[in-house]
Amino acid sequence: MTETTAVSCSRADDGEARRMRTGHAALLLVLVVVLWGVNWPMIKLGLQAMPPLWFAVARVFIGGATIAAIMLASGRLRLPARGDVPVILSVGVLQIGFFLATTHVALLFVEAGRSAILAYTTPLWVVPLSALLLGERIGAAQIGALVLGLAGLAVLFNPLAIDYGNADVLLGNGLLLAGAALWAITIIHVRAHHWHGTPLDLMTWQMALGVVALVPVALIVEPHPFVHWSWAFAAILFYNGPIASAFCFWAFVTVNRSLPAATTALGSLGVPVVGVLSAALVVGEPLTAATLTGLGLIGAGVAVLALNRRDEG
């Protein structure tokens, strides 16, 4: 084999490995979209049994304990490299701690479907920031997906339906938008960070930091928590801990590392689609013509993005 042939084979192997990583990330993103989308009405039901901040503490603690047990059993539980501390802070405090705190409290005042919509307005922030700070090229497909997705969000959000005289409703909607902005910052940071460990290596510490961030706030805001135990609530906690927290947070960070930030944010628009449909099925939230139109627009945007990724592959 000549040197030129060897180099060509190496490049072909690198390209194949890259495509495999991209395909793996795309599959993980689909799983996250479905699992997180279904979880919105489940959280709404869980809040009837436990206050929102303590519910967030419980799900992160259970999720973190699950990851820690897996890492300990496999001999991979070790202190993180100093260079990974910034991403542990951003994911642990912003994406896990503050995002869950804002969304869980907001669900006391806002329907599950609308909450999922507002919480996933992250592309509003991520797409321009990824171009400005990361130098990512925003092509016609990304712009088209963004326009379709935001049009769908605008139809679903329907600001005319908000009771602007209700302080709780305004607080809930404001918290969801704040959570979306914080998550967008995390997406940009995860993509820009120079990783020393893998997302799985760091997830135990990110979950632990999320608990540390949440507990003081819960003690102050909800000093006398109630818990109404039942088998249904135990099932909701199990889903929220190992699945919606441990697996999904790890999977999303993994996706975020492998795909462009704008693609990750736009792909996550599938979560409110699943969330609205799940809320209609689980808690009986109405599916109006506007809702179906909005879901169709968002679905079209995600489809444009998916087809573009396939063509690129």
Protein backbone atom coordinates (compact mmCIF):
# COMPACT_ATOMS: atom_id res chain seq x y z
CA MET A 1 0.00 0.00 0.00
CA THR A 2 1.42 3.38 -0.99
CA GLU A 3 1.55 6.36 1.34
CA THR A 4 -1.10 8.16 -0.74
CA THR A 5 -3.43 5.16 -0.58
CA ALA A 6 -2.88 4.85 3.19
CA VAL A 7 -3.75 8.52 3.69
CA SER A 8 -6.88 8.14 1.54
CA CYS A 9 -7.99 5.10 3.54
CA SER A 10 -7.35 6.94 6.80
CA ARG A 11 -9.45 9.87 5.66
CA ALA A 12 -12.22 7.52 4.53
CA ASP A 13 -12.13 5.79 7.92
CA ASP A 14 -12.26 9.16 9.69
CA GLY A 15 -15.24 10.18 7.57
CA GLU A 16 -17.04 6.90 8.30
CA ALA A 17 -16.36 7.29 12.03
CA ARG A 18 -17.69 10.84 11.88
CA ARG A 19 -20.87 9.68 10.14
CA MET A 20 -21.34 6.95 12.74
CA ARG A 21 -20.95 9.49 15.57
CA THR A 22 -23.42 11.81 13.86
CA GLY A 23 -25.92 8.98 13.33
CA HIS A 24 -25.55 7.90 16.95
CA ALA A 25 -26.11 11.49 18.11
CA ALA A 26 -29.18 11.84 15.89
CA LEU A 27 -30.68 8.65 17.37
CA LEU A 28 -30.00 9.91 20.90
CA LEU A 29 -31.66 13.22 20.04
CA VAL A 30 -34.80 11.41 18.86
CA LEU A 31 -34.92 9.42 22.11
CA VAL A 32 -34.48 12.59 24.18
CA VAL A 33 -37.24 14.36 22.25
CA VAL A 34 -39.71 11.53 22.94
CA LEU A 35 -38.71 10.87 26.56
CA TRP A 36 -38.62 14.55 27.58
CA GLY A 37 -41.79 15.35 25.64
CA VAL A 38 -43.75 12.61 27.43
CA ASN A 39 -42.39 13.83 30.76
CA TRP A 40 -44.10 17.24 30.75
CA PRO A 41 -47.57 15.96 31.73
CA MET A 42 -45.92 13.46 34.11
CA ILE A 43 -44.23 16.32 35.98
CA LYS A 44 -47.59 18.14 36.07
CA LEU A 45 -49.11 15.08 37.76
CA GLY A 46 -46.11 14.66 40.07
CA LEU A 47 -46.51 18.20 41.39
CA GLN A 48 -49.81 17.14 42.93
CA ALA A 49 -47.80 14.85 45.25
CA MET A 50 -44.71 16.97 45.98
CA PRO A 51 -43.79 20.70 45.81
CA PRO A 52 -41.97 21.70 42.59
CA LEU A 53 -38.50 22.45 43.96
CA TRP A 54 -38.36 19.34 46.14
CA PHE A 55 -39.63 17.32 43.17
CA ALA A 56 -36.68 18.69 41.19
CA VAL A 57 -34.31 17.78 44.04
CA ALA A 58 -35.74 14.25 44.20
CA ARG A 59 -35.45 13.57 40.46
CA VAL A 60 -31.89 14.92 40.23
CA PHE A 61 -30.79 13.05 43.37
CA ILE A 62 -32.25 9.76 42.09
CA GLY A 63 -30.78 10.34 38.64
CA GLY A 64 -27.38 11.22 40.07
CA ALA A 65 -27.38 8.20 42.36
CA THR A 66 -28.20 5.99 39.36
CA ILE A 67 -25.30 7.35 37.32
CA ALA A 68 -22.93 7.16 40.32
CA ALA A 69 -23.86 3.51 40.94
CA ILE A 70 -23.21 2.62 37.29
CA MET A 71 -19.87 4.43 37.27
CA LEU A 72 -18.82 2.88 40.59
CA ALA A 73 -19.72 -0.63 39.43
CA SER A 74 -17.73 -0.15 36.22
CA GLY A 75 -14.72 1.33 38.05
CA ARG A 76 -15.05 4.67 36.25
CA LEU A 77 -16.11 6.90 39.15
CA ARG A 78 -13.25 9.34 39.63
CA LEU A 79 -12.68 13.03 40.26
CA PRO A 80 -12.99 15.15 37.11
CA ALA A 81 -10.07 16.93 35.46
CA ARG A 82 -9.64 20.56 36.48
CA GLY A 83 -10.20 21.63 32.88
CA ASP A 84 -13.73 20.18 32.95
CA VAL A 85 -14.83 22.14 36.03
CA PRO A 86 -16.34 25.01 33.94
CA VAL A 87 -18.64 22.65 32.01
CA ILE A 88 -19.59 20.85 35.23
CA LEU A 89 -20.62 24.22 36.65
CA SER A 90 -22.61 25.32 33.61
CA VAL A 91 -24.46 22.02 33.09
CA GLY A 92 -24.92 21.34 36.82
CA VAL A 93 -26.07 24.81 37.86
CA LEU A 94 -27.76 26.21 34.72
CA GLN A 95 -29.09 23.23 32.74
CA ILE A 96 -29.89 20.89 35.63
CA GLY A 97 -30.37 23.17 38.65
CA PHE A 98 -31.87 26.45 37.42
CA PHE A 99 -33.68 25.06 34.37
CA LEU A 100 -35.49 22.42 36.43
CA ALA A 101 -36.26 24.94 39.18
CA THR A 102 -37.83 27.43 36.73
CA THR A 103 -39.81 24.85 34.77
CA HIS A 104 -41.11 22.95 37.80
CA VAL A 105 -42.32 26.12 39.54
CA ALA A 106 -43.84 27.40 36.28
CA LEU A 107 -45.88 24.20 35.89
CA LEU A 108 -47.87 25.22 38.98
CA PHE A 109 -49.33 28.11 36.96
CA VAL A 110 -49.00 27.14 33.28
CA GLU A 111 -50.43 24.20 31.34
CA ALA A 112 -47.98 21.38 30.57
CA GLY A 113 -48.27 21.87 26.81
CA ARG A 114 -47.66 25.63 26.93
CA SER A 115 -44.80 25.09 29.39
CA ALA A 116 -43.08 22.72 26.98
CA ILE A 117 -43.47 25.27 24.19
CA LEU A 118 -41.98 28.20 26.12
CA ALA A 119 -39.18 26.14 27.66
CA TYR A 120 -38.01 25.17 24.17
CA THR A 121 -37.68 28.66 22.74
CA THR A 122 -33.91 28.08 23.05
CA PRO A 123 -33.32 28.34 19.25
CA LEU A 124 -34.18 32.04 19.54
CA TRP A 125 -30.92 32.39 21.47
CA VAL A 126 -28.79 29.50 20.24
CA VAL A 127 -28.95 30.02 16.47
CA PRO A 128 -27.58 33.59 16.46
CA LEU A 129 -25.16 32.91 19.33
CA SER A 130 -23.74 29.81 17.63
CA ALA A 131 -22.99 31.86 14.52
CA LEU A 132 -21.57 34.79 16.50
CA LEU A 133 -19.57 32.96 19.17
CA LEU A 134 -18.81 29.55 17.64
CA GLY A 135 -18.50 30.55 14.00
CA GLU A 136 -20.99 27.89 12.94
CA ARG A 137 -22.33 28.27 9.41
CA ILE A 138 -26.09 28.77 9.40
CA GLY A 139 -27.33 27.44 6.07
CA ALA A 140 -30.64 27.75 4.26
CA ALA A 141 -31.99 24.56 5.88
CA GLN A 142 -31.22 25.83 9.40
CA ILE A 143 -32.81 29.21 8.64
CA GLY A 144 -35.85 27.52 7.12
CA ALA A 145 -36.19 25.18 10.11
CA LEU A 146 -35.86 28.14 12.49
CA VAL A 147 -38.53 30.15 10.66
CA LEU A 148 -40.95 27.21 10.57
CA GLY A 149 -40.27 26.28 14.18
CA LEU A 150 -40.65 29.80 15.53
CA ALA A 151 -43.82 30.30 13.46
CA GLY A 152 -45.19 27.15 15.07
CA LEU A 153 -44.18 28.34 18.53
CA ALA A 154 -45.86 31.71 17.88
CA VAL A 155 -49.12 29.98 16.88
CA LEU A 156 -48.98 27.65 19.89
CA PHE A 157 -47.99 30.34 22.35
CA ASN A 158 -50.85 32.69 21.42
CA PRO A 159 -50.01 35.69 23.65
CA LEU A 160 -53.62 36.89 23.37
CA ALA A 161 -54.64 33.87 25.49
CA ILE A 162 -52.52 34.97 28.48
CA ASP A 163 -54.28 36.53 31.46
CA TYR A 164 -52.00 39.54 31.89
CA GLY A 165 -53.82 40.52 35.09
CA ASN A 166 -52.80 37.26 36.78
CA ALA A 167 -49.40 37.67 38.45
CA ASP A 168 -48.94 33.89 38.84
CA VAL A 169 -49.48 33.30 35.12
CA LEU A 170 -47.01 36.06 34.23
CA LEU A 171 -44.51 34.63 36.69
CA GLY A 172 -44.88 31.14 35.21
CA ASN A 173 -44.40 32.32 31.63
CA GLY A 174 -41.46 34.52 32.63
CA LEU A 175 -39.73 31.65 34.45
CA LEU A 176 -40.07 29.41 31.41
CA LEU A 177 -38.50 32.01 29.12
CA ALA A 178 -35.69 32.58 31.63
CA GLY A 179 -35.06 28.84 31.80
CA ALA A 180 -34.88 28.66 28.00
CA ALA A 181 -32.28 31.45 27.93
CA LEU A 182 -30.15 29.74 30.59
CA TRP A 183 -30.28 26.46 28.70
CA ALA A 184 -29.20 28.22 25.52
CA ILE A 185 -26.09 29.50 27.30
CA THR A 186 -25.31 25.93 28.39
CA ILE A 187 -25.71 24.56 24.85
CA ILE A 188 -23.21 27.12 23.53
CA HIS A 189 -20.76 26.42 26.36
CA VAL A 190 -20.95 22.62 25.97
CA ARG A 191 -20.22 22.94 22.25
CA ALA A 192 -17.31 25.34 22.79
CA HIS A 193 -15.73 23.52 25.76
CA HIS A 194 -12.52 21.50 25.30
CA TRP A 195 -13.49 18.22 26.97
CA HIS A 196 -11.06 16.12 29.01
CA GLY A 197 -13.58 13.53 30.25
CA THR A 198 -16.68 12.13 28.53
CA PRO A 199 -20.23 13.34 29.30
CA LEU A 200 -20.79 10.10 31.24
CA ASP A 201 -17.61 10.66 33.28
CA LEU A 202 -18.84 14.12 34.31
CA MET A 203 -22.55 13.45 34.72
CA THR A 204 -22.29 12.26 38.36
CA TRP A 205 -20.63 15.53 39.36
CA GLN A 206 -23.04 17.63 37.31
CA MET A 207 -26.01 15.92 38.97
CA ALA A 208 -24.44 16.37 42.41
CA LEU A 209 -23.93 20.06 41.72
CA GLY A 210 -27.52 20.32 40.54
CA VAL A 211 -28.70 18.96 43.89
CA VAL A 212 -26.38 21.34 45.76
CA ALA A 213 -27.82 24.27 43.77
CA LEU A 214 -31.45 23.21 44.25
CA VAL A 215 -31.55 22.25 47.96
CA PRO A 216 -30.88 25.73 49.48
CA VAL A 217 -33.52 27.29 47.22
CA ALA A 218 -36.02 24.56 48.13
CA LEU A 219 -35.32 25.03 51.87
CA ILE A 220 -36.00 28.77 51.58
CA VAL A 221 -39.01 28.72 49.24
CA GLU A 222 -40.62 25.45 50.40
CA PRO A 223 -39.52 24.98 54.05
CA HIS A 224 -42.40 22.61 54.91
CA PRO A 225 -42.78 20.23 51.96
CA PHE A 226 -45.63 17.74 51.68
CA VAL A 227 -45.35 14.33 50.03
CA HIS A 228 -48.38 12.22 49.08
CA TRP A 229 -46.91 8.80 48.38
CA SER A 230 -48.60 6.40 45.99
CA TRP A 231 -47.57 3.78 43.46
CA ALA A 232 -48.38 6.24 40.66
CA PHE A 233 -46.11 8.90 42.18
CA ALA A 234 -43.36 6.30 42.71
CA ALA A 235 -43.59 5.44 38.99
CA ILE A 236 -43.38 9.14 38.07
CA LEU A 237 -40.31 9.56 40.28
CA PHE A 238 -38.67 6.49 38.74
CA TYR A 239 -39.28 7.84 35.24
CA ASN A 240 -37.96 11.28 36.20
CA GLY A 241 -34.84 10.00 37.97
CA PRO A 242 -33.05 7.28 35.96
CA ILE A 243 -34.76 8.04 32.62
CA ALA A 244 -35.70 11.72 32.23
CA SER A 245 -32.78 12.98 34.33
CA ALA A 246 -29.87 10.51 34.29
CA PHE A 247 -30.23 9.16 30.75
CA CYS A 248 -31.70 12.21 29.03
CA PHE A 249 -29.29 14.79 30.45
CA TRP A 250 -26.34 12.54 29.55
CA ALA A 251 -27.77 11.92 26.07
CA PHE A 252 -28.45 15.60 25.41
CA VAL A 253 -24.94 16.66 26.43
CA THR A 254 -23.55 13.86 24.21
CA VAL A 255 -25.65 15.12 21.30
CA ASN A 256 -24.57 18.67 22.02
CA ARG A 257 -20.91 17.63 21.74
CA SER A 258 -21.42 15.80 18.45
CA LEU A 259 -23.78 18.06 16.51
CA PRO A 260 -23.64 21.82 15.83
CA ALA A 261 -25.28 23.90 18.57
CA ALA A 262 -27.90 25.28 16.17
CA THR A 263 -28.83 21.78 14.97
CA THR A 264 -29.16 20.52 18.55
CA ALA A 265 -31.36 23.45 19.56
CA LEU A 266 -33.57 23.22 16.47
CA GLY A 267 -33.88 19.45 16.81
CA SER A 268 -35.06 19.87 20.40
CA LEU A 269 -38.12 21.69 19.04
CA GLY A 270 -39.60 18.21 18.72
CA VAL A 271 -39.96 18.08 22.52
CA PRO A 272 -42.88 20.57 22.70
CA VAL A 273 -44.61 18.68 19.86
CA VAL A 274 -44.49 15.46 21.88
CA GLY A 275 -45.23 17.44 25.05
CA VAL A 276 -48.42 19.03 23.71
CA LEU A 277 -49.70 15.73 22.32
CA SER A 278 -48.85 13.91 25.57
CA ALA A 279 -50.55 16.60 27.65
CA ALA A 280 -53.69 16.15 25.56
CA LEU A 281 -53.65 12.39 26.11
CA VAL A 282 -52.55 12.27 29.76
CA VAL A 283 -54.10 15.32 31.43
CA GLY A 284 -56.76 16.23 28.86
CA GLU A 285 -55.39 19.57 27.69
CA PRO A 286 -57.36 20.58 24.55
CA LEU A 287 -56.03 20.16 21.01
CA THR A 288 -57.37 23.17 19.11
CA ALA A 289 -56.97 24.05 15.43
CA ALA A 290 -54.26 26.54 16.41
CA THR A 291 -52.46 23.83 18.36
CA LEU A 292 -52.50 21.43 15.43
CA THR A 293 -51.32 24.19 13.06
CA GLY A 294 -48.46 25.08 15.37
CA LEU A 295 -47.44 21.46 15.78
CA GLY A 296 -47.50 21.01 12.01
CA LEU A 297 -45.19 23.99 11.48
CA ILE A 298 -42.72 22.80 14.12
CA GLY A 299 -42.83 19.27 12.72
CA ALA A 300 -42.10 20.65 9.25
CA GLY A 301 -39.12 22.56 10.62
CA VAL A 302 -37.69 19.46 12.30
CA ALA A 303 -38.28 17.47 9.09
CA VAL A 304 -36.36 20.05 7.04
CA LEU A 305 -33.47 19.80 9.49
CA ALA A 306 -33.50 15.99 9.46
CA LEU A 307 -33.58 15.79 5.65
CA ASN A 308 -30.70 18.25 5.42
CA ARG A 309 -28.61 16.16 7.86
CA ARG A 310 -29.33 13.04 5.78
CA ASP A 311 -28.28 14.79 2.56
CA GLU A 312 -25.08 16.01 4.22
CA GLY A 313 -24.31 12.43 5.36
